[in-house]
Amino acid sequence: MNTNINTQDWHPADVKCQLEKVGFSLFDIARELNVTRGAVSNSLKTRVSKRIELSISEKLKLQPDEIWPSRYAEEAIPA
């Protein structure tokens, strides 16, 4: 079990499933962004690239913080 996944964030399998429901695969995103499928897969588990997160969220018609609230919580806190 991967203990690095925050419980408030979507489970990686749920993100992948939702992408498939709207007609996209991790490979499609990788090809579009010119990155490896592994980079896209890793971004489902840990913050790898905001660009990948944004692409995934756009395909799901959501904001990235709706999928990964823990990754964006710190950014919302005023300094």
Protein backbone atom coordinates (compact mmCIF):
# COMPACT_ATOMS: atom_id res chain seq x y z
CA MET A 1 0.00 0.00 0.00
CA ASN A 2 1.32 3.41 -0.98
CA THR A 3 1.23 5.59 2.13
CA ASN A 4 2.20 8.70 0.12
CA ILE A 5 -1.29 9.06 -1.32
CA ASN A 6 -3.33 11.57 0.64
CA THR A 7 -6.77 10.24 1.54
CA GLN A 8 -8.53 13.48 0.57
CA ASP A 9 -7.11 13.29 -2.96
CA TRP A 10 -8.73 11.12 -5.59
CA HIS A 11 -7.30 7.63 -5.75
CA PRO A 12 -5.07 7.22 -8.83
CA ALA A 13 -7.29 4.39 -10.12
CA ASP A 14 -10.31 6.71 -9.90
CA VAL A 15 -8.55 9.40 -11.93
CA LYS A 16 -7.54 6.85 -14.56
CA CYS A 17 -11.07 5.43 -14.68
CA GLN A 18 -12.64 8.88 -15.07
CA LEU A 19 -10.20 9.71 -17.86
CA GLU A 20 -11.16 6.51 -19.65
CA LYS A 21 -14.86 7.34 -19.22
CA VAL A 22 -14.35 10.61 -21.09
CA GLY A 23 -12.26 8.94 -23.78
CA PHE A 24 -8.66 9.52 -22.76
CA SER A 25 -5.83 7.29 -21.60
CA LEU A 26 -2.62 8.08 -19.75
CA PHE A 27 -0.84 7.41 -23.03
CA ASP A 28 -2.99 10.04 -24.79
CA ILE A 29 -1.96 12.64 -22.22
CA ALA A 30 1.69 11.59 -22.42
CA ARG A 31 1.68 11.88 -26.20
CA GLU A 32 -0.06 15.28 -26.10
CA LEU A 33 2.45 16.68 -23.60
CA ASN A 34 5.48 14.90 -25.06
CA VAL A 35 6.27 13.14 -21.79
CA THR A 36 6.46 9.48 -20.86
CA ARG A 37 3.43 7.50 -19.79
CA GLY A 38 5.36 6.86 -16.56
CA ALA A 39 5.52 10.59 -15.85
CA VAL A 40 1.74 10.83 -16.25
CA SER A 41 1.23 7.76 -14.08
CA ASN A 42 3.54 9.15 -11.40
CA SER A 43 1.62 12.42 -11.37
CA LEU A 44 -1.46 10.53 -10.23
CA LYS A 45 0.42 9.55 -7.05
CA THR A 46 2.75 12.46 -6.33
CA ARG A 47 3.27 15.97 -7.60
CA VAL A 48 5.45 15.60 -10.65
CA SER A 49 4.25 18.32 -12.98
CA LYS A 50 1.58 20.98 -12.74
CA ARG A 51 1.38 20.83 -16.52
CA ILE A 52 0.34 17.16 -16.37
CA GLU A 53 -2.09 17.84 -13.53
CA LEU A 54 -3.64 20.68 -15.52
CA SER A 55 -4.04 18.52 -18.62
CA ILE A 56 -5.73 15.77 -16.61
CA SER A 57 -8.04 18.20 -14.86
CA GLU A 58 -8.97 19.92 -18.13
CA LYS A 59 -9.94 16.56 -19.65
CA LEU A 60 -12.14 15.87 -16.62
CA LYS A 61 -13.56 19.42 -16.70
CA LEU A 62 -12.41 20.02 -13.13
CA GLN A 63 -9.91 22.23 -11.37
CA PRO A 64 -6.70 20.47 -10.26
CA ASP A 65 -7.47 21.25 -6.60
CA GLU A 66 -10.73 19.30 -6.91
CA ILE A 67 -8.75 16.16 -7.77
CA TRP A 68 -5.72 16.76 -5.55
CA PRO A 69 -6.77 19.14 -2.75
CA SER A 70 -3.73 18.31 -0.62
CA ARG A 71 -1.37 19.51 -3.36
CA TYR A 72 -3.04 22.89 -3.61
CA ALA A 73 -3.98 23.54 0.03
CA GLU A 74 -0.66 25.22 0.82
CA GLU A 75 -0.96 27.49 -2.21
CA ALA A 76 -4.33 28.78 -0.98
CA ILE A 77 -2.94 29.94 2.37
CA PRO A 78 -1.93 33.63 2.18
CA ALA A 79 1.67 34.31 3.15
